Amino acid sequence: DLKSLAPTLSSPPTTSPRPSDDQFTLTIVMQFDQWSSETGFSISSTDSGTVYYDWPAGTFYEPFGLSVEQIQLPLGMDVTFTVTDTGGDGMCCLYGDGSFKIFAGEDIEDNSAILVSDSGDFEKETSVSFTVGYPEESSKNSTSTAAGGTTPIGGKAKATVVMQLDKYSAETGWFILSSDGATTVISRPIGYYEAKSEEKIEETIELDVG
């Protein structure tokens, strides 16, 4: 129950001038791991890259804290939400079960208003792009990015998986499952990157969405 936890109070985010079209409220909910000070997040224009809201690493300090931030952006704008971790181990799952969600509107108990939801299991950076509005409007243009690659949702699409490996590359693996969890679409098991210590891996795959 998100409302049962007292949210972390943050300093006002760094902001840039925003277009003054019809404003729509978004609520960002961040569940931090033990090292909340390593985590930063921002909202930017998908088209121009202009950062409209920015909470840099160091804004939050409470271990396992919950942050609830309300912002306003023009309805119908394409934006990208980016989360970074200076420790390189994401928000999950070595030091707690961090996660993040973005809701259309102000009600964080309304699961039908969820625009973005992620476990926080990444390394240095992860991002997701969506259209400001209610989910049925936003889902038409929603995309997700894993440290660089972008996947359009709907139809056949290419996804680019970008990973910055550490010196223990043999310990890293990943896989993509079908939406029902019954089929492994693609897999890179532990040991696959044994000879790729500290290398940046970029792999483009093609998926049938849906």
N, C-alpha and C. Protein backbone atom coordinates (compact mmCIF):
# COMPACT_ATOMS: atom_id res chain seq x y z
N ASP A 1 0.85 -1.18 0.00
CA ASP A 1 0.00 0.00 0.00
C ASP A 1 0.89 1.23 0.00
N LEU A 2 0.94 1.93 -1.14
CA LEU A 2 1.84 3.06 -1.27
C LEU A 2 1.50 4.18 -0.30
N LYS A 3 0.21 4.35 0.03
CA LYS A 3 -0.18 5.45 0.90
C LYS A 3 0.17 5.19 2.36
N SER A 4 0.50 3.95 2.70
CA SER A 4 0.82 3.63 4.08
C SER A 4 2.23 4.03 4.46
N LEU A 5 3.05 4.38 3.47
CA LEU A 5 4.42 4.77 3.73
C LEU A 5 4.56 6.28 3.60
N ALA A 6 5.26 6.88 4.55
CA ALA A 6 5.48 8.33 4.48
C ALA A 6 6.48 8.64 3.39
N PRO A 7 6.14 9.51 2.44
CA PRO A 7 7.06 9.80 1.34
C PRO A 7 8.26 10.61 1.80
N THR A 8 9.37 10.42 1.11
CA THR A 8 10.56 11.23 1.36
C THR A 8 10.32 12.65 0.86
N LEU A 9 10.68 13.64 1.66
CA LEU A 9 10.57 15.03 1.22
C LEU A 9 11.84 15.40 0.45
N SER A 10 11.68 15.97 -0.72
CA SER A 10 12.84 16.31 -1.53
C SER A 10 12.90 17.81 -1.74
N SER A 11 14.08 18.27 -2.14
CA SER A 11 14.22 19.66 -2.55
C SER A 11 13.51 19.83 -3.89
N PRO A 12 13.07 21.05 -4.21
CA PRO A 12 12.44 21.27 -5.51
C PRO A 12 13.36 20.81 -6.63
N PRO A 13 12.82 20.14 -7.65
CA PRO A 13 13.68 19.66 -8.73
C PRO A 13 14.24 20.80 -9.56
N THR A 14 15.35 20.54 -10.22
CA THR A 14 15.86 21.47 -11.22
C THR A 14 14.90 21.45 -12.40
N THR A 15 14.48 22.61 -12.87
CA THR A 15 13.50 22.65 -13.94
C THR A 15 13.93 23.56 -15.07
N SER A 16 13.37 23.29 -16.25
CA SER A 16 13.55 24.15 -17.41
C SER A 16 12.18 24.71 -17.78
N PRO A 17 12.14 25.83 -18.51
CA PRO A 17 10.84 26.35 -18.94
C PRO A 17 10.07 25.30 -19.72
N ARG A 18 8.78 25.17 -19.41
CA ARG A 18 7.95 24.16 -20.06
C ARG A 18 6.89 24.83 -20.92
N PRO A 19 6.46 24.19 -22.00
CA PRO A 19 5.39 24.76 -22.82
C PRO A 19 4.15 24.99 -21.96
N SER A 20 3.37 26.00 -22.29
CA SER A 20 2.23 26.39 -21.47
C SER A 20 0.90 25.90 -22.03
N ASP A 21 0.93 24.79 -22.78
CA ASP A 21 -0.31 24.21 -23.28
C ASP A 21 -1.11 23.64 -22.11
N ASP A 22 -2.25 23.02 -22.39
CA ASP A 22 -3.08 22.43 -21.34
C ASP A 22 -2.24 21.52 -20.47
N GLN A 23 -2.18 21.81 -19.18
CA GLN A 23 -1.32 21.08 -18.27
C GLN A 23 -2.02 19.83 -17.72
N PHE A 24 -1.26 18.75 -17.61
CA PHE A 24 -1.78 17.47 -17.12
C PHE A 24 -0.90 17.02 -15.96
N THR A 25 -1.51 16.56 -14.89
CA THR A 25 -0.76 16.15 -13.70
C THR A 25 -0.28 14.70 -13.81
N LEU A 26 1.00 14.51 -13.53
CA LEU A 26 1.59 13.17 -13.42
C LEU A 26 2.13 13.02 -12.00
N THR A 27 2.05 11.80 -11.46
CA THR A 27 2.60 11.52 -10.15
C THR A 27 3.68 10.45 -10.27
N ILE A 28 4.88 10.78 -9.85
CA ILE A 28 6.02 9.87 -9.90
C ILE A 28 6.22 9.26 -8.51
N VAL A 29 6.23 7.94 -8.44
CA VAL A 29 6.44 7.24 -7.17
C VAL A 29 7.73 6.44 -7.27
N MET A 30 8.69 6.79 -6.42
CA MET A 30 9.99 6.13 -6.42
C MET A 30 10.18 5.38 -5.09
N GLN A 31 10.33 4.07 -5.16
CA GLN A 31 10.69 3.28 -3.98
C GLN A 31 12.19 3.00 -4.06
N PHE A 32 12.97 3.61 -3.18
CA PHE A 32 14.42 3.49 -3.24
C PHE A 32 14.91 2.22 -2.54
N ASP A 33 16.12 1.83 -2.89
CA ASP A 33 16.79 0.77 -2.15
C ASP A 33 17.58 1.41 -1.01
N GLN A 34 18.52 0.68 -0.44
CA GLN A 34 19.28 1.18 0.71
C GLN A 34 20.06 2.45 0.38
N TRP A 35 20.54 2.55 -0.87
CA TRP A 35 21.42 3.65 -1.26
C TRP A 35 20.65 4.65 -2.12
N SER A 36 19.67 5.29 -1.51
CA SER A 36 18.83 6.23 -2.24
C SER A 36 19.62 7.42 -2.78
N SER A 37 20.71 7.79 -2.12
CA SER A 37 21.50 8.94 -2.57
C SER A 37 22.17 8.70 -3.92
N GLU A 38 22.25 7.44 -4.35
CA GLU A 38 22.86 7.13 -5.64
C GLU A 38 21.89 7.33 -6.81
N THR A 39 20.60 7.45 -6.50
CA THR A 39 19.56 7.45 -7.53
C THR A 39 19.16 8.87 -7.92
N GLY A 40 19.07 9.10 -9.22
CA GLY A 40 18.52 10.34 -9.75
C GLY A 40 17.49 10.02 -10.81
N PHE A 41 16.59 10.96 -11.09
CA PHE A 41 15.61 10.73 -12.15
C PHE A 41 15.19 12.05 -12.76
N SER A 42 14.71 11.98 -13.99
CA SER A 42 14.36 13.20 -14.72
C SER A 42 13.28 12.92 -15.75
N ILE A 43 12.62 13.99 -16.18
CA ILE A 43 11.63 13.96 -17.27
C ILE A 43 12.10 14.93 -18.33
N SER A 44 12.17 14.46 -19.57
CA SER A 44 12.64 15.31 -20.66
C SER A 44 11.76 15.13 -21.89
N SER A 45 11.90 16.04 -22.82
CA SER A 45 11.20 15.94 -24.10
C SER A 45 11.83 14.83 -24.93
N THR A 46 11.02 13.92 -25.41
CA THR A 46 11.53 12.84 -26.26
C THR A 46 12.08 13.41 -27.57
N ASP A 47 11.47 14.46 -28.07
CA ASP A 47 11.88 15.02 -29.36
C ASP A 47 13.14 15.87 -29.27
N SER A 48 13.16 16.81 -28.32
CA SER A 48 14.27 17.77 -28.26
C SER A 48 15.32 17.42 -27.22
N GLY A 49 14.97 16.57 -26.25
CA GLY A 49 15.91 16.25 -25.18
C GLY A 49 15.92 17.27 -24.05
N THR A 50 15.11 18.33 -24.17
CA THR A 50 15.05 19.34 -23.11
C THR A 50 14.57 18.71 -21.80
N VAL A 51 15.32 18.91 -20.74
CA VAL A 51 14.96 18.35 -19.44
C VAL A 51 14.01 19.30 -18.73
N TYR A 52 12.80 18.83 -18.43
CA TYR A 52 11.79 19.66 -17.79
C TYR A 52 11.82 19.55 -16.27
N TYR A 53 12.11 18.36 -15.76
CA TYR A 53 12.24 18.15 -14.32
C TYR A 53 13.44 17.25 -14.07
N ASP A 54 14.22 17.58 -13.04
CA ASP A 54 15.42 16.79 -12.77
C ASP A 54 15.67 16.71 -11.26
N TRP A 55 15.72 15.49 -10.74
CA TRP A 55 16.12 15.23 -9.37
C TRP A 55 17.46 14.48 -9.44
N PRO A 56 18.58 15.16 -9.36
CA PRO A 56 19.89 14.50 -9.54
C PRO A 56 20.23 13.60 -8.35
N ALA A 57 21.18 12.71 -8.57
CA ALA A 57 21.69 11.87 -7.49
C ALA A 57 22.13 12.76 -6.33
N GLY A 58 21.80 12.35 -5.12
CA GLY A 58 22.12 13.15 -3.95
C GLY A 58 20.93 13.93 -3.43
N THR A 59 19.82 13.97 -4.20
CA THR A 59 18.61 14.66 -3.75
C THR A 59 17.98 13.93 -2.57
N PHE A 60 18.03 12.60 -2.60
CA PHE A 60 17.39 11.79 -1.57
C PHE A 60 18.46 11.04 -0.77
N TYR A 61 18.21 10.88 0.52
CA TYR A 61 19.20 10.23 1.39
C TYR A 61 18.63 9.12 2.27
N GLU A 62 17.33 9.10 2.46
CA GLU A 62 16.74 8.12 3.38
C GLU A 62 16.81 6.70 2.81
N PRO A 63 17.47 5.76 3.49
CA PRO A 63 17.53 4.38 3.01
C PRO A 63 16.12 3.79 2.90
N PHE A 64 15.84 3.14 1.79
CA PHE A 64 14.56 2.48 1.53
C PHE A 64 13.39 3.47 1.55
N GLY A 65 13.67 4.74 1.27
CA GLY A 65 12.64 5.77 1.32
C GLY A 65 11.68 5.70 0.14
N LEU A 66 10.54 6.34 0.31
CA LEU A 66 9.52 6.45 -0.74
C LEU A 66 9.36 7.92 -1.09
N SER A 67 9.48 8.25 -2.37
CA SER A 67 9.30 9.62 -2.84
C SER A 67 8.07 9.68 -3.73
N VAL A 68 7.19 10.64 -3.48
CA VAL A 68 6.01 10.87 -4.31
C VAL A 68 6.10 12.31 -4.82
N GLU A 69 6.26 12.47 -6.12
CA GLU A 69 6.45 13.79 -6.74
C GLU A 69 5.36 14.03 -7.77
N GLN A 70 4.70 15.17 -7.68
CA GLN A 70 3.68 15.54 -8.66
C GLN A 70 4.21 16.64 -9.57
N ILE A 71 4.04 16.45 -10.86
CA ILE A 71 4.50 17.42 -11.85
C ILE A 71 3.39 17.69 -12.84
N GLN A 72 3.57 18.72 -13.64
CA GLN A 72 2.60 19.03 -14.68
C GLN A 72 3.32 19.24 -16.01
N LEU A 73 2.73 18.64 -17.05
CA LEU A 73 3.25 18.77 -18.40
C LEU A 73 2.07 18.86 -19.38
N PRO A 74 2.30 19.38 -20.57
CA PRO A 74 1.22 19.51 -21.54
C PRO A 74 0.64 18.15 -21.96
N LEU A 75 -0.66 18.06 -22.00
CA LEU A 75 -1.35 16.85 -22.45
C LEU A 75 -0.93 16.52 -23.88
N GLY A 76 -0.58 15.27 -24.12
CA GLY A 76 -0.20 14.83 -25.46
C GLY A 76 1.28 14.95 -25.77
N MET A 77 2.07 15.51 -24.85
CA MET A 77 3.51 15.65 -25.09
C MET A 77 4.21 14.30 -24.97
N ASP A 78 5.16 14.03 -25.86
CA ASP A 78 5.99 12.83 -25.78
C ASP A 78 7.18 13.12 -24.89
N VAL A 79 7.31 12.36 -23.81
CA VAL A 79 8.37 12.61 -22.84
C VAL A 79 9.12 11.31 -22.53
N THR A 80 10.31 11.47 -21.97
CA THR A 80 11.14 10.32 -21.58
C THR A 80 11.48 10.45 -20.10
N PHE A 81 11.21 9.40 -19.36
CA PHE A 81 11.55 9.33 -17.94
C PHE A 81 12.83 8.51 -17.81
N THR A 82 13.85 9.10 -17.21
CA THR A 82 15.16 8.45 -17.08
C THR A 82 15.53 8.32 -15.61
N VAL A 83 15.99 7.13 -15.24
CA VAL A 83 16.47 6.88 -13.87
C VAL A 83 17.94 6.48 -13.96
N THR A 84 18.77 7.07 -13.12
CA THR A 84 20.20 6.77 -13.11
C THR A 84 20.63 6.29 -11.73
N ASP A 85 21.72 5.56 -11.69
CA ASP A 85 22.27 5.10 -10.42
C ASP A 85 23.79 5.22 -10.47
N THR A 86 24.35 6.09 -9.63
CA THR A 86 25.79 6.32 -9.67
C THR A 86 26.59 5.14 -9.17
N GLY A 87 25.94 4.23 -8.42
CA GLY A 87 26.63 3.03 -7.95
C GLY A 87 26.72 1.94 -8.98
N GLY A 88 25.96 2.07 -10.09
CA GLY A 88 26.01 1.10 -11.17
C GLY A 88 25.29 -0.20 -10.88
N ASP A 89 24.46 -0.22 -9.82
CA ASP A 89 23.74 -1.46 -9.50
C ASP A 89 22.24 -1.26 -9.44
N GLY A 90 21.74 -0.17 -10.01
CA GLY A 90 20.30 0.05 -10.07
C GLY A 90 19.66 0.21 -8.71
N MET A 91 18.35 0.00 -8.66
CA MET A 91 17.58 0.12 -7.42
C MET A 91 17.13 -1.24 -6.89
N CYS A 92 17.46 -2.29 -7.58
CA CYS A 92 17.05 -3.63 -7.21
C CYS A 92 18.05 -4.61 -7.84
N CYS A 93 18.53 -5.61 -7.19
CA CYS A 93 17.90 -6.19 -6.02
C CYS A 93 18.96 -6.56 -4.96
N LEU A 94 20.17 -5.98 -5.09
CA LEU A 94 21.24 -6.31 -4.15
C LEU A 94 21.02 -5.69 -2.79
N TYR A 95 20.47 -4.47 -2.76
CA TYR A 95 20.36 -3.73 -1.50
C TYR A 95 18.93 -3.26 -1.26
N GLY A 96 17.97 -4.07 -1.64
CA GLY A 96 16.57 -3.72 -1.44
C GLY A 96 15.79 -3.83 -2.74
N ASP A 97 14.48 -3.84 -2.62
CA ASP A 97 13.60 -4.01 -3.78
C ASP A 97 13.07 -2.66 -4.24
N GLY A 98 13.92 -1.89 -4.89
CA GLY A 98 13.51 -0.59 -5.40
C GLY A 98 12.63 -0.74 -6.63
N SER A 99 11.85 0.29 -6.92
CA SER A 99 10.97 0.28 -8.09
C SER A 99 10.51 1.70 -8.37
N PHE A 100 9.86 1.89 -9.51
CA PHE A 100 9.28 3.20 -9.80
C PHE A 100 8.01 3.05 -10.63
N LYS A 101 7.10 4.00 -10.42
CA LYS A 101 5.85 4.05 -11.17
C LYS A 101 5.52 5.50 -11.50
N ILE A 102 4.82 5.69 -12.60
CA ILE A 102 4.28 7.01 -12.95
C ILE A 102 2.78 6.85 -13.19
N PHE A 103 1.99 7.67 -12.53
CA PHE A 103 0.54 7.62 -12.64
C PHE A 103 0.03 8.85 -13.38
N ALA A 104 -1.01 8.65 -14.17
CA ALA A 104 -1.76 9.77 -14.74
C ALA A 104 -2.67 10.31 -13.65
N GLY A 105 -2.54 11.58 -13.32
CA GLY A 105 -3.34 12.16 -12.25
C GLY A 105 -2.64 12.07 -10.91
N GLU A 106 -3.41 12.18 -9.83
CA GLU A 106 -2.86 12.27 -8.49
C GLU A 106 -3.10 11.04 -7.63
N ASP A 107 -3.94 10.10 -8.08
CA ASP A 107 -4.33 8.95 -7.25
C ASP A 107 -3.37 7.79 -7.46
N ILE A 108 -2.48 7.54 -6.49
CA ILE A 108 -1.49 6.47 -6.63
C ILE A 108 -2.05 5.12 -6.20
N GLU A 109 -3.34 5.08 -5.85
CA GLU A 109 -4.00 3.81 -5.57
C GLU A 109 -4.75 3.28 -6.80
N ASP A 110 -4.82 4.09 -7.85
CA ASP A 110 -5.57 3.73 -9.05
C ASP A 110 -4.64 3.03 -10.04
N ASN A 111 -4.65 1.70 -10.02
CA ASN A 111 -3.76 0.94 -10.90
C ASN A 111 -4.09 1.13 -12.38
N SER A 112 -5.33 1.53 -12.68
CA SER A 112 -5.69 1.74 -14.08
C SER A 112 -5.06 3.00 -14.64
N ALA A 113 -4.48 3.83 -13.75
CA ALA A 113 -3.85 5.08 -14.19
C ALA A 113 -2.34 4.96 -14.34
N ILE A 114 -1.80 3.75 -14.19
CA ILE A 114 -0.35 3.56 -14.29
C ILE A 114 0.11 3.72 -15.73
N LEU A 115 1.04 4.62 -15.95
CA LEU A 115 1.64 4.83 -17.26
C LEU A 115 2.96 4.09 -17.39
N VAL A 116 3.74 4.05 -16.30
CA VAL A 116 5.05 3.43 -16.29
C VAL A 116 5.18 2.63 -14.99
N SER A 117 5.70 1.41 -15.09
CA SER A 117 5.95 0.61 -13.90
C SER A 117 7.16 -0.28 -14.16
N ASP A 118 8.15 -0.23 -13.26
CA ASP A 118 9.37 -0.99 -13.48
C ASP A 118 9.97 -1.40 -12.14
N SER A 119 10.64 -2.55 -12.13
CA SER A 119 11.22 -3.07 -10.89
C SER A 119 12.46 -2.32 -10.43
N GLY A 120 13.07 -1.54 -11.31
CA GLY A 120 14.31 -0.86 -10.94
C GLY A 120 15.53 -1.74 -11.06
N ASP A 121 15.40 -2.86 -11.75
CA ASP A 121 16.51 -3.79 -11.94
C ASP A 121 17.29 -3.38 -13.19
N PHE A 122 18.30 -2.53 -13.01
CA PHE A 122 19.15 -2.08 -14.10
C PHE A 122 20.53 -1.83 -13.53
N GLU A 123 21.43 -1.29 -14.33
CA GLU A 123 22.78 -1.01 -13.83
C GLU A 123 22.95 0.50 -13.64
N LYS A 124 23.42 1.20 -14.66
CA LYS A 124 23.69 2.63 -14.50
C LYS A 124 22.51 3.51 -14.90
N GLU A 125 21.71 3.07 -15.87
CA GLU A 125 20.65 3.94 -16.38
C GLU A 125 19.58 3.12 -17.06
N THR A 126 18.35 3.57 -16.93
CA THR A 126 17.23 2.99 -17.67
C THR A 126 16.25 4.11 -17.98
N SER A 127 15.48 3.97 -19.03
CA SER A 127 14.52 5.02 -19.39
C SER A 127 13.32 4.43 -20.10
N VAL A 128 12.22 5.16 -20.06
CA VAL A 128 11.00 4.77 -20.76
C VAL A 128 10.35 6.03 -21.31
N SER A 129 9.86 5.94 -22.53
CA SER A 129 9.19 7.06 -23.18
C SER A 129 7.69 6.81 -23.27
N PHE A 130 6.90 7.86 -23.11
CA PHE A 130 5.45 7.72 -23.18
C PHE A 130 4.84 9.07 -23.52
N THR A 131 3.55 9.07 -23.78
CA THR A 131 2.82 10.29 -24.09
C THR A 131 2.02 10.73 -22.87
N VAL A 132 2.13 11.99 -22.51
CA VAL A 132 1.42 12.52 -21.34
C VAL A 132 -0.08 12.43 -21.57
N GLY A 133 -0.76 11.78 -20.65
CA GLY A 133 -2.21 11.59 -20.75
C GLY A 133 -2.62 10.34 -20.01
N TYR A 134 -3.86 9.95 -20.16
CA TYR A 134 -4.33 8.72 -19.52
C TYR A 134 -3.78 7.52 -20.29
N PRO A 135 -3.66 6.36 -19.63
CA PRO A 135 -2.99 5.20 -20.26
C PRO A 135 -3.52 4.82 -21.63
N GLU A 136 -4.83 4.88 -21.85
CA GLU A 136 -5.36 4.48 -23.15
C GLU A 136 -4.87 5.41 -24.25
N GLU A 137 -4.54 6.66 -23.91
CA GLU A 137 -3.99 7.59 -24.89
C GLU A 137 -2.49 7.40 -25.03
N SER A 138 -1.83 7.22 -23.91
CA SER A 138 -0.36 7.14 -23.89
C SER A 138 0.16 5.87 -24.53
N SER A 139 -0.56 4.75 -24.38
CA SER A 139 -0.05 3.45 -24.83
C SER A 139 0.16 3.38 -26.33
N LYS A 140 -0.51 4.26 -27.07
CA LYS A 140 -0.35 4.24 -28.53
C LYS A 140 1.07 4.60 -28.95
N ASN A 141 1.74 5.42 -28.12
CA ASN A 141 3.06 5.91 -28.48
C ASN A 141 4.14 5.53 -27.47
N SER A 142 3.84 4.58 -26.57
CA SER A 142 4.78 4.26 -25.51
C SER A 142 5.98 3.47 -26.02
N THR A 143 7.16 3.79 -25.51
CA THR A 143 8.37 3.06 -25.85
C THR A 143 9.18 2.84 -24.59
N SER A 144 10.02 1.82 -24.61
CA SER A 144 10.89 1.59 -23.47
C SER A 144 12.33 1.49 -23.93
N THR A 145 13.25 1.86 -23.03
CA THR A 145 14.67 1.88 -23.36
C THR A 145 15.47 1.25 -22.24
N ALA A 146 16.37 0.35 -22.58
CA ALA A 146 17.28 -0.22 -21.59
C ALA A 146 18.67 0.32 -21.88
N ALA A 147 18.99 1.44 -21.27
CA ALA A 147 20.29 2.09 -21.43
C ALA A 147 20.66 2.31 -22.88
N GLY A 148 19.68 2.68 -23.72
CA GLY A 148 20.04 3.07 -25.07
C GLY A 148 19.08 2.60 -26.14
N GLY A 149 18.58 1.37 -26.08
CA GLY A 149 17.73 0.84 -27.14
C GLY A 149 16.30 1.27 -26.97
N THR A 150 15.55 1.40 -28.07
CA THR A 150 14.16 1.82 -28.01
C THR A 150 13.28 0.82 -28.71
N THR A 151 12.14 0.48 -28.08
CA THR A 151 11.21 -0.49 -28.62
C THR A 151 9.84 0.12 -28.80
N PRO A 152 9.39 0.41 -30.03
CA PRO A 152 8.02 0.87 -30.19
C PRO A 152 7.06 -0.23 -29.77
N ILE A 153 5.93 0.15 -29.12
CA ILE A 153 4.95 -0.83 -28.70
C ILE A 153 3.85 -0.88 -29.74
N GLY A 154 3.62 -2.05 -30.31
CA GLY A 154 2.62 -2.24 -31.33
C GLY A 154 3.27 -2.62 -32.65
N GLY A 155 2.84 -3.80 -33.25
CA GLY A 155 3.41 -4.26 -34.49
C GLY A 155 4.75 -4.93 -34.29
N LYS A 156 5.48 -5.10 -35.38
CA LYS A 156 6.80 -5.72 -35.32
C LYS A 156 7.85 -4.64 -35.07
N ALA A 157 8.76 -4.91 -34.14
CA ALA A 157 9.70 -3.86 -33.76
C ALA A 157 11.07 -4.43 -33.48
N LYS A 158 12.06 -3.56 -33.66
CA LYS A 158 13.42 -3.90 -33.28
C LYS A 158 13.73 -3.30 -31.93
N ALA A 159 14.41 -4.05 -31.11
CA ALA A 159 14.83 -3.58 -29.79
C ALA A 159 16.34 -3.67 -29.71
N THR A 160 16.96 -2.64 -29.17
CA THR A 160 18.41 -2.64 -28.99
C THR A 160 18.71 -2.72 -27.50
N VAL A 161 19.36 -3.78 -27.10
CA VAL A 161 19.76 -3.98 -25.72
C VAL A 161 21.20 -3.49 -25.57
N VAL A 162 21.42 -2.52 -24.69
CA VAL A 162 22.75 -1.97 -24.46
C VAL A 162 23.12 -2.23 -23.01
N MET A 163 24.25 -2.87 -22.80
CA MET A 163 24.70 -3.20 -21.45
C MET A 163 26.17 -2.83 -21.28
N GLN A 164 26.46 -2.13 -20.19
CA GLN A 164 27.83 -1.85 -19.81
C GLN A 164 28.23 -2.87 -18.75
N LEU A 165 29.06 -3.82 -19.13
CA LEU A 165 29.44 -4.90 -18.22
C LEU A 165 30.56 -4.45 -17.27
N ASP A 166 30.57 -5.02 -16.08
CA ASP A 166 31.67 -4.77 -15.16
C ASP A 166 32.75 -5.84 -15.36
N LYS A 167 33.72 -5.88 -14.49
CA LYS A 167 34.83 -6.82 -14.70
C LYS A 167 34.41 -8.27 -14.47
N TYR A 168 33.25 -8.47 -13.84
CA TYR A 168 32.76 -9.83 -13.62
C TYR A 168 31.65 -10.14 -14.64
N SER A 169 31.98 -9.97 -15.90
CA SER A 169 30.98 -10.10 -16.96
C SER A 169 30.37 -11.50 -17.03
N ALA A 170 31.10 -12.50 -16.60
CA ALA A 170 30.58 -13.88 -16.65
C ALA A 170 29.39 -14.08 -15.72
N GLU A 171 29.21 -13.17 -14.76
CA GLU A 171 28.10 -13.30 -13.81
C GLU A 171 26.80 -12.73 -14.36
N THR A 172 26.86 -12.05 -15.49
CA THR A 172 25.70 -11.34 -16.03
C THR A 172 24.98 -12.16 -17.09
N GLY A 173 23.67 -12.21 -16.99
CA GLY A 173 22.84 -12.85 -18.01
C GLY A 173 21.51 -12.12 -18.08
N TRP A 174 20.75 -12.35 -19.13
CA TRP A 174 19.43 -11.75 -19.25
C TRP A 174 18.57 -12.58 -20.18
N PHE A 175 17.28 -12.35 -20.12
CA PHE A 175 16.36 -13.08 -21.00
C PHE A 175 15.10 -12.25 -21.19
N ILE A 176 14.36 -12.54 -22.26
CA ILE A 176 13.08 -11.92 -22.54
C ILE A 176 12.04 -13.03 -22.63
N LEU A 177 10.96 -12.86 -21.85
CA LEU A 177 9.87 -13.83 -21.85
C LEU A 177 8.67 -13.28 -22.62
N SER A 178 7.81 -14.17 -23.10
CA SER A 178 6.53 -13.75 -23.64
C SER A 178 5.69 -13.17 -22.52
N SER A 179 4.65 -12.41 -22.87
CA SER A 179 3.87 -11.72 -21.85
C SER A 179 3.20 -12.66 -20.86
N ASP A 180 2.94 -13.90 -21.27
CA ASP A 180 2.33 -14.86 -20.34
C ASP A 180 3.38 -15.64 -19.55
N GLY A 181 4.65 -15.36 -19.82
CA GLY A 181 5.73 -16.00 -19.08
C GLY A 181 6.00 -17.44 -19.48
N ALA A 182 5.33 -17.92 -20.52
CA ALA A 182 5.45 -19.33 -20.88
C ALA A 182 6.59 -19.62 -21.85
N THR A 183 7.02 -18.60 -22.59
CA THR A 183 8.01 -18.82 -23.63
C THR A 183 9.19 -17.88 -23.46
N THR A 184 10.40 -18.42 -23.53
CA THR A 184 11.59 -17.59 -23.55
C THR A 184 11.88 -17.18 -24.98
N VAL A 185 11.72 -15.90 -25.27
CA VAL A 185 11.88 -15.40 -26.64
C VAL A 185 13.36 -15.35 -27.02
N ILE A 186 14.18 -14.85 -26.10
CA ILE A 186 15.62 -14.79 -26.33
C ILE A 186 16.32 -14.87 -24.98
N SER A 187 17.49 -15.48 -24.96
CA SER A 187 18.20 -15.67 -23.69
C SER A 187 19.70 -15.51 -23.88
N ARG A 188 20.31 -14.82 -22.92
CA ARG A 188 21.76 -14.74 -22.83
C ARG A 188 22.13 -15.21 -21.41
N PRO A 189 22.39 -16.49 -21.25
CA PRO A 189 22.59 -17.06 -19.91
C PRO A 189 23.87 -16.58 -19.24
N ILE A 190 23.94 -16.78 -17.93
CA ILE A 190 25.15 -16.47 -17.17
C ILE A 190 26.32 -17.24 -17.78
N GLY A 191 27.41 -16.55 -18.00
CA GLY A 191 28.58 -17.14 -18.65
C GLY A 191 28.70 -16.77 -20.11
N TYR A 192 27.59 -16.26 -20.72
CA TYR A 192 27.59 -15.91 -22.13
C TYR A 192 28.60 -14.81 -22.44
N TYR A 193 28.77 -13.87 -21.50
CA TYR A 193 29.67 -12.74 -21.71
C TYR A 193 31.01 -12.91 -20.99
N GLU A 194 31.42 -14.15 -20.80
CA GLU A 194 32.63 -14.42 -20.03
C GLU A 194 33.86 -13.70 -20.57
N ALA A 195 33.96 -13.57 -21.87
CA ALA A 195 35.14 -12.95 -22.48
C ALA A 195 34.94 -11.46 -22.76
N LYS A 196 33.91 -10.86 -22.16
CA LYS A 196 33.57 -9.46 -22.46
C LYS A 196 33.75 -8.55 -21.26
N SER A 197 34.73 -8.83 -20.41
CA SER A 197 34.94 -8.06 -19.19
C SER A 197 35.04 -6.56 -19.46
N GLU A 198 34.19 -5.78 -18.78
CA GLU A 198 34.15 -4.33 -18.83
C GLU A 198 33.87 -3.77 -20.24
N GLU A 199 33.30 -4.59 -21.09
CA GLU A 199 32.95 -4.12 -22.43
C GLU A 199 31.50 -3.61 -22.46
N LYS A 200 31.21 -2.77 -23.44
CA LYS A 200 29.85 -2.32 -23.68
C LYS A 200 29.24 -3.19 -24.77
N ILE A 201 28.14 -3.84 -24.44
CA ILE A 201 27.48 -4.76 -25.36
C ILE A 201 26.27 -4.07 -25.97
N GLU A 202 26.14 -4.14 -27.27
CA GLU A 202 24.97 -3.59 -27.96
C GLU A 202 24.44 -4.64 -28.93
N GLU A 203 23.24 -5.08 -28.71
CA GLU A 203 22.67 -6.15 -29.53
C GLU A 203 21.25 -5.78 -29.96
N THR A 204 20.98 -5.82 -31.24
CA THR A 204 19.65 -5.51 -31.77
C THR A 204 18.91 -6.80 -32.06
N ILE A 205 17.69 -6.88 -31.54
CA ILE A 205 16.86 -8.06 -31.76
C ILE A 205 15.52 -7.61 -32.35
N GLU A 206 14.78 -8.53 -32.94
CA GLU A 206 13.48 -8.22 -33.53
C GLU A 206 12.42 -9.03 -32.81
N LEU A 207 11.33 -8.35 -32.42
CA LEU A 207 10.28 -8.99 -31.64
C LEU A 207 8.93 -8.73 -32.28
N ASP A 208 8.04 -9.70 -32.16
CA ASP A 208 6.65 -9.51 -32.53
C ASP A 208 5.90 -9.04 -31.29
N VAL A 209 5.55 -7.77 -31.24
CA VAL A 209 4.89 -7.22 -30.06
C VAL A 209 3.47 -7.74 -29.98
N GLY A 210 3.09 -8.19 -28.77
CA GLY A 210 1.76 -8.70 -28.55
C GLY A 210 1.64 -10.17 -28.81
